[in-house]
Amino acid sequence: MTSSYLSKDFFSARLLPSNVEGSHGMSRTEERILNSGGGRPQLPAREDADSKLNIAVIFTAVECTLAALKQAGVLASNLGACISLVVPQVVPYPLPLTNSPISTGFNERRFRVIAGQSRVETRVAVYLCRDRMETLKEVLKPHSVVVVGGRKAWWPTPEKRLAAGLRRAGHEVIFSEME
């Protein structure tokens, strides 16, 4: 996996780290804190971020993810946790893995607005990948608390299949249903 963070933090003029290596055809393109509980967002020290309980919200669709963020926000505020919005963005095979079919500027604005809906410290990580489930299995820590948003339906929706796959992978999954 080749990882590259965006070169500038959009809240300040400081540079963000780049050029992190990995494997399995996955590319992290951006990871930053977009909204903290109070005041201006700050990047935490790496040790502090790892010691705090983390609730992962998987991006599915805008409305469903907003419902999942709301539920994760209640959990996070009660548990003193932070939220990570994980966005696995599938890149079709004709395109190189480093080139997203959706512009980086558009994604930056969209996820800044989505993360702004949460009153808890929220970090956004966008991953360019070929297989969403394989990327999530590699990115999430073992036995992570994961919230997946989806529409209420009696048939298995893609979101419900994603939640079931994450449960089979050993994660604690909360499915947030929308009407």
C-alpha atoms as a PDB file:
ATOM      1  CA  MET A   1       0.000   0.000   0.000  1.00  0.00           C
ATOM      2  CA  THR A   2       1.268   3.426  -0.833  1.00  0.00           C
ATOM      3  CA  SER A   3      -0.036   6.128   1.423  1.00  0.00           C
ATOM      4  CA  SER A   4       0.054   9.833   0.868  1.00  0.00           C
ATOM      5  CA  TYR A   5      -1.592  12.421   3.063  1.00  0.00           C
ATOM      6  CA  LEU A   6      -2.787  15.668   1.578  1.00  0.00           C
ATOM      7  CA  SER A   7       0.100  18.088   1.621  1.00  0.00           C
ATOM      8  CA  LYS A   8      -1.578  20.881   3.632  1.00  0.00           C
ATOM      9  CA  ASP A   9      -3.901  20.945   6.598  1.00  0.00           C
ATOM     10  CA  PHE A  10      -6.885  23.032   5.456  1.00  0.00           C
ATOM     11  CA  PHE A  11      -7.233  24.614   8.934  1.00  0.00           C
ATOM     12  CA  SER A  12      -3.660  25.898   9.050  1.00  0.00           C
ATOM     13  CA  ALA A  13      -0.661  26.331   6.785  1.00  0.00           C
ATOM     14  CA  ARG A  14       1.402  23.502   8.270  1.00  0.00           C
ATOM     15  CA  LEU A  15       2.399  20.492   6.188  1.00  0.00           C
ATOM     16  CA  LEU A  16       1.051  17.021   6.910  1.00  0.00           C
ATOM     17  CA  PRO A  17       3.189  13.838   6.826  1.00  0.00           C
ATOM     18  CA  SER A  18       3.395  11.894   3.580  1.00  0.00           C
ATOM     19  CA  ASN A  19       4.983   8.892   1.911  1.00  0.00           C
ATOM     20  CA  VAL A  20       3.950   5.964   4.141  1.00  0.00           C
ATOM     21  CA  GLU A  21       4.364   2.459   2.667  1.00  0.00           C
ATOM     22  CA  GLY A  22       2.124  -0.610   3.071  1.00  0.00           C
ATOM     23  CA  SER A  23       0.750  -3.593   1.098  1.00  0.00           C
ATOM     24  CA  HIS A  24      -2.307  -5.277  -0.469  1.00  0.00           C
ATOM     25  CA  GLY A  25      -3.125  -2.695  -3.165  1.00  0.00           C
ATOM     26  CA  MET A  26      -4.617  -0.151  -0.801  1.00  0.00           C
ATOM     27  CA  SER A  27      -3.841   3.551  -0.736  1.00  0.00           C
ATOM     28  CA  ARG A  28      -4.631   5.961   2.109  1.00  0.00           C
ATOM     29  CA  THR A  29      -5.134   9.341   0.571  1.00  0.00           C
ATOM     30  CA  GLU A  30      -6.203  11.465   3.493  1.00  0.00           C
ATOM     31  CA  GLU A  31      -6.488  11.213   7.240  1.00  0.00           C
ATOM     32  CA  ARG A  32      -7.082  14.222   9.454  1.00  0.00           C
ATOM     33  CA  ILE A  33      -9.233  15.415  12.297  1.00  0.00           C
ATOM     34  CA  LEU A  34     -12.020  17.510  10.839  1.00  0.00           C
ATOM     35  CA  ASN A  35     -14.035  18.378  13.948  1.00  0.00           C
ATOM     36  CA  SER A  36     -13.212  18.292  17.652  1.00  0.00           C
ATOM     37  CA  GLY A  37     -15.708  18.554  20.484  1.00  0.00           C
ATOM     38  CA  GLY A  38     -14.827  22.174  21.177  1.00  0.00           C
ATOM     39  CA  GLY A  39     -12.705  24.826  19.553  1.00  0.00           C
ATOM     40  CA  ARG A  40     -10.430  24.510  16.596  1.00  0.00           C
ATOM     41  CA  PRO A  41      -9.499  20.960  15.421  1.00  0.00           C
ATOM     42  CA  GLN A  42      -6.017  19.823  16.376  1.00  0.00           C
ATOM     43  CA  LEU A  43      -4.027  16.792  15.292  1.00  0.00           C
ATOM     44  CA  PRO A  44      -3.489  14.609  18.386  1.00  0.00           C
ATOM     45  CA  ALA A  45      -0.216  13.071  19.462  1.00  0.00           C
ATOM     46  CA  ARG A  46      -0.041   9.532  18.054  1.00  0.00           C
ATOM     47  CA  GLU A  47       0.209   7.924  21.532  1.00  0.00           C
ATOM     48  CA  ASP A  48      -2.835   9.845  22.775  1.00  0.00           C
ATOM     49  CA  ALA A  49      -4.930   8.819  19.773  1.00  0.00           C
ATOM     50  CA  ASP A  50      -4.017   5.140  20.210  1.00  0.00           C
ATOM     51  CA  SER A  51      -4.829   5.073  23.952  1.00  0.00           C
ATOM     52  CA  LYS A  52      -8.342   6.512  23.499  1.00  0.00           C
ATOM     53  CA  LEU A  53     -11.288   4.249  22.621  1.00  0.00           C
ATOM     54  CA  ASN A  54     -12.057   4.623  18.935  1.00  0.00           C
ATOM     55  CA  ILE A  55     -15.442   4.091  17.293  1.00  0.00           C
ATOM     56  CA  ALA A  56     -15.201   3.514  13.545  1.00  0.00           C
ATOM     57  CA  VAL A  57     -18.071   4.712  11.348  1.00  0.00           C
ATOM     58  CA  ILE A  58     -17.992   3.219   7.848  1.00  0.00           C
ATOM     59  CA  PHE A  59     -19.139   5.540   5.060  1.00  0.00           C
ATOM     60  CA  THR A  60     -21.960   3.976   3.015  1.00  0.00           C
ATOM     61  CA  ALA A  61     -24.179   6.825   1.774  1.00  0.00           C
ATOM     62  CA  VAL A  62     -24.475  10.399   3.028  1.00  0.00           C
ATOM     63  CA  GLU A  63     -27.837  10.093   4.847  1.00  0.00           C
ATOM     64  CA  CYS A  64     -27.032   6.651   6.274  1.00  0.00           C
ATOM     65  CA  THR A  65     -23.595   7.789   7.433  1.00  0.00           C
ATOM     66  CA  LEU A  66     -25.086  10.864   9.124  1.00  0.00           C
ATOM     67  CA  ALA A  67     -27.453   8.583  11.082  1.00  0.00           C
ATOM     68  CA  ALA A  68     -24.514   6.326  12.009  1.00  0.00           C
ATOM     69  CA  LEU A  69     -22.426   9.358  13.085  1.00  0.00           C
ATOM     70  CA  LYS A  70     -25.274  10.539  15.289  1.00  0.00           C
ATOM     71  CA  GLN A  71     -25.471   7.151  17.015  1.00  0.00           C
ATOM     72  CA  ALA A  72     -21.668   6.942  17.284  1.00  0.00           C
ATOM     73  CA  GLY A  73     -21.621  10.474  18.742  1.00  0.00           C
ATOM     74  CA  VAL A  74     -23.926   9.418  21.577  1.00  0.00           C
ATOM     75  CA  LEU A  75     -21.747   6.364  22.266  1.00  0.00           C
ATOM     76  CA  ALA A  76     -18.519   8.352  22.046  1.00  0.00           C
ATOM     77  CA  SER A  77     -19.691  11.122  24.381  1.00  0.00           C
ATOM     78  CA  ASN A  78     -20.857   8.558  26.965  1.00  0.00           C
ATOM     79  CA  LEU A  79     -17.630   6.529  26.726  1.00  0.00           C
ATOM     80  CA  GLY A  80     -15.118   9.362  26.249  1.00  0.00           C
ATOM     81  CA  ALA A  81     -14.158   7.976  22.842  1.00  0.00           C
ATOM     82  CA  CYS A  82     -13.258   9.521  19.511  1.00  0.00           C
ATOM     83  CA  ILE A  83     -14.819   8.751  16.137  1.00  0.00           C
ATOM     84  CA  SER A  84     -13.055   7.713  12.948  1.00  0.00           C
ATOM     85  CA  LEU A  85     -15.012   8.077   9.724  1.00  0.00           C
ATOM     86  CA  VAL A  86     -13.540   5.386   7.458  1.00  0.00           C
ATOM     87  CA  VAL A  87     -14.207   5.873   3.749  1.00  0.00           C
ATOM     88  CA  PRO A  88     -13.181   2.936   1.542  1.00  0.00           C
ATOM     89  CA  GLN A  89     -13.433   4.354  -1.979  1.00  0.00           C
ATOM     90  CA  VAL A  90     -13.362   1.666  -4.664  1.00  0.00           C
ATOM     91  CA  VAL A  91     -11.326   2.556  -7.758  1.00  0.00           C
ATOM     92  CA  PRO A  92     -12.288   0.640 -10.937  1.00  0.00           C
ATOM     93  CA  TYR A  93      -9.619  -1.572 -12.488  1.00  0.00           C
ATOM     94  CA  PRO A  94      -9.080   0.485 -15.686  1.00  0.00           C
ATOM     95  CA  LEU A  95      -7.819   3.369 -13.503  1.00  0.00           C
ATOM     96  CA  PRO A  96      -4.539   3.336 -11.577  1.00  0.00           C
ATOM     97  CA  LEU A  97      -5.070   2.884  -7.839  1.00  0.00           C
ATOM     98  CA  THR A  98      -3.543   6.291  -7.114  1.00  0.00           C
ATOM     99  CA  ASN A  99      -6.163   8.138  -9.225  1.00  0.00           C
ATOM    100  CA  SER A 100      -9.584   8.473  -7.672  1.00  0.00           C
ATOM    101  CA  PRO A 101     -12.544   8.869 -10.051  1.00  0.00           C
ATOM    102  CA  ILE A 102     -13.823  11.556  -7.628  1.00  0.00           C
ATOM    103  CA  SER A 103     -11.804  14.736  -7.175  1.00  0.00           C
ATOM    104  CA  THR A 104      -9.875  15.193  -3.932  1.00  0.00           C
ATOM    105  CA  GLY A 105     -11.240  18.716  -3.434  1.00  0.00           C
ATOM    106  CA  PHE A 106     -14.826  17.503  -3.681  1.00  0.00           C
ATOM    107  CA  ASN A 107     -14.161  14.681  -1.195  1.00  0.00           C
ATOM    108  CA  GLU A 108     -12.443  17.097   1.184  1.00  0.00           C
ATOM    109  CA  ARG A 109     -15.432  19.460   1.216  1.00  0.00           C
ATOM    110  CA  ARG A 110     -17.988  16.633   1.456  1.00  0.00           C
ATOM    111  CA  PHE A 111     -16.327  14.864   4.389  1.00  0.00           C
ATOM    112  CA  ARG A 112     -15.621  18.145   6.198  1.00  0.00           C
ATOM    113  CA  VAL A 113     -19.380  18.812   6.166  1.00  0.00           C
ATOM    114  CA  ILE A 114     -20.216  15.240   7.222  1.00  0.00           C
ATOM    115  CA  ALA A 115     -17.679  15.249  10.087  1.00  0.00           C
ATOM    116  CA  GLY A 116     -18.966  18.664  11.126  1.00  0.00           C
ATOM    117  CA  GLN A 117     -22.273  17.021  12.062  1.00  0.00           C
ATOM    118  CA  SER A 118     -20.565  15.282  15.003  1.00  0.00           C
ATOM    119  CA  ARG A 119     -19.958  17.035  18.329  1.00  0.00           C
ATOM    120  CA  VAL A 120     -17.205  14.549  19.194  1.00  0.00           C
ATOM    121  CA  GLU A 121     -13.611  14.553  17.926  1.00  0.00           C
ATOM    122  CA  THR A 122     -13.902  13.050  14.436  1.00  0.00           C
ATOM    123  CA  ARG A 123     -11.085  11.914  12.177  1.00  0.00           C
ATOM    124  CA  VAL A 124     -11.637  11.089   8.506  1.00  0.00           C
ATOM    125  CA  ALA A 125      -9.567   8.506   6.613  1.00  0.00           C
ATOM    126  CA  VAL A 126     -10.220   7.950   2.899  1.00  0.00           C
ATOM    127  CA  TYR A 127      -8.764   4.779   1.369  1.00  0.00           C
ATOM    128  CA  LEU A 128      -8.493   4.190  -2.360  1.00  0.00           C
ATOM    129  CA  CYS A 129      -8.871   0.444  -2.857  1.00  0.00           C
ATOM    130  CA  ARG A 130     -10.059  -2.335  -5.149  1.00  0.00           C
ATOM    131  CA  ASP A 131     -11.987  -4.374  -2.542  1.00  0.00           C
ATOM    132  CA  ARG A 132     -13.866  -2.551   0.214  1.00  0.00           C
ATOM    133  CA  MET A 133     -14.122  -5.515   2.620  1.00  0.00           C
ATOM    134  CA  GLU A 134     -10.437  -6.463   2.336  1.00  0.00           C
ATOM    135  CA  THR A 135      -9.453  -2.849   2.957  1.00  0.00           C
ATOM    136  CA  LEU A 136     -11.647  -2.630   6.058  1.00  0.00           C
ATOM    137  CA  LYS A 137     -10.279  -5.914   7.409  1.00  0.00           C
ATOM    138  CA  GLU A 138      -6.748  -4.574   7.077  1.00  0.00           C
ATOM    139  CA  VAL A 139      -7.418  -1.044   8.342  1.00  0.00           C
ATOM    140  CA  LEU A 140      -9.577  -1.755  11.400  1.00  0.00           C
ATOM    141  CA  LYS A 141      -7.895  -2.952  14.587  1.00  0.00           C
ATOM    142  CA  PRO A 142      -9.007  -6.394  15.848  1.00  0.00           C
ATOM    143  CA  HIS A 143     -12.327  -6.347  17.739  1.00  0.00           C
ATOM    144  CA  SER A 144     -13.039  -2.717  16.783  1.00  0.00           C
ATOM    145  CA  VAL A 145     -16.346  -1.065  17.626  1.00  0.00           C
ATOM    146  CA  VAL A 146     -17.878  -0.277  14.236  1.00  0.00           C
ATOM    147  CA  VAL A 147     -21.086   1.594  13.352  1.00  0.00           C
ATOM    148  CA  VAL A 148     -22.599   1.048   9.894  1.00  0.00           C
ATOM    149  CA  GLY A 149     -25.577   3.067   8.687  1.00  0.00           C
ATOM    150  CA  GLY A 150     -28.159   1.693   6.275  1.00  0.00           C
ATOM    151  CA  ARG A 151     -31.768   1.819   5.232  1.00  0.00           C
ATOM    152  CA  LYS A 152     -34.385  -0.281   6.995  1.00  0.00           C
ATOM    153  CA  ALA A 153     -35.413  -3.189   4.763  1.00  0.00           C
ATOM    154  CA  TRP A 154     -36.415  -6.813   5.263  1.00  0.00           C
ATOM    155  CA  TRP A 155     -34.057  -8.024   2.499  1.00  0.00           C
ATOM    156  CA  PRO A 156     -30.266  -8.054   2.799  1.00  0.00           C
ATOM    157  CA  THR A 157     -29.007  -4.650   1.645  1.00  0.00           C
ATOM    158  CA  PRO A 158     -25.351  -3.964   0.735  1.00  0.00           C
ATOM    159  CA  GLU A 159     -24.958  -2.193   4.103  1.00  0.00           C
ATOM    160  CA  LYS A 160     -26.333  -5.201   6.004  1.00  0.00           C
ATOM    161  CA  ARG A 161     -23.988  -7.508   4.063  1.00  0.00           C
ATOM    162  CA  LEU A 162     -21.087  -5.197   4.950  1.00  0.00           C
ATOM    163  CA  ALA A 163     -22.067  -5.296   8.651  1.00  0.00           C
ATOM    164  CA  ALA A 164     -22.349  -9.108   8.546  1.00  0.00           C
ATOM    165  CA  GLY A 165     -18.921  -9.397   6.892  1.00  0.00           C
ATOM    166  CA  LEU A 166     -17.358  -7.190   9.575  1.00  0.00           C
ATOM    167  CA  ARG A 167     -18.990  -9.307  12.304  1.00  0.00           C
ATOM    168  CA  ARG A 168     -17.532 -12.457  10.693  1.00  0.00           C
ATOM    169  CA  ALA A 169     -14.136 -10.707  10.735  1.00  0.00           C
ATOM    170  CA  GLY A 170     -14.445 -10.376  14.538  1.00  0.00           C
ATOM    171  CA  HIS A 171     -15.561  -6.769  14.959  1.00  0.00           C
ATOM    172  CA  GLU A 172     -18.325  -5.486  17.237  1.00  0.00           C
ATOM    173  CA  VAL A 173     -20.802  -3.995  14.748  1.00  0.00           C
ATOM    174  CA  ILE A 174     -23.759  -1.722  15.468  1.00  0.00           C
ATOM    175  CA  PHE A 175     -26.148  -1.341  12.532  1.00  0.00           C
ATOM    176  CA  SER A 176     -27.893   2.042  12.526  1.00  0.00           C
ATOM    177  CA  GLU A 177     -31.144   1.739  10.549  1.00  0.00           C
ATOM    178  CA  MET A 178     -32.838   4.642   8.776  1.00  0.00           C
ATOM    179  CA  GLU A 179     -36.518   4.680   7.827  1.00  0.00           C
END
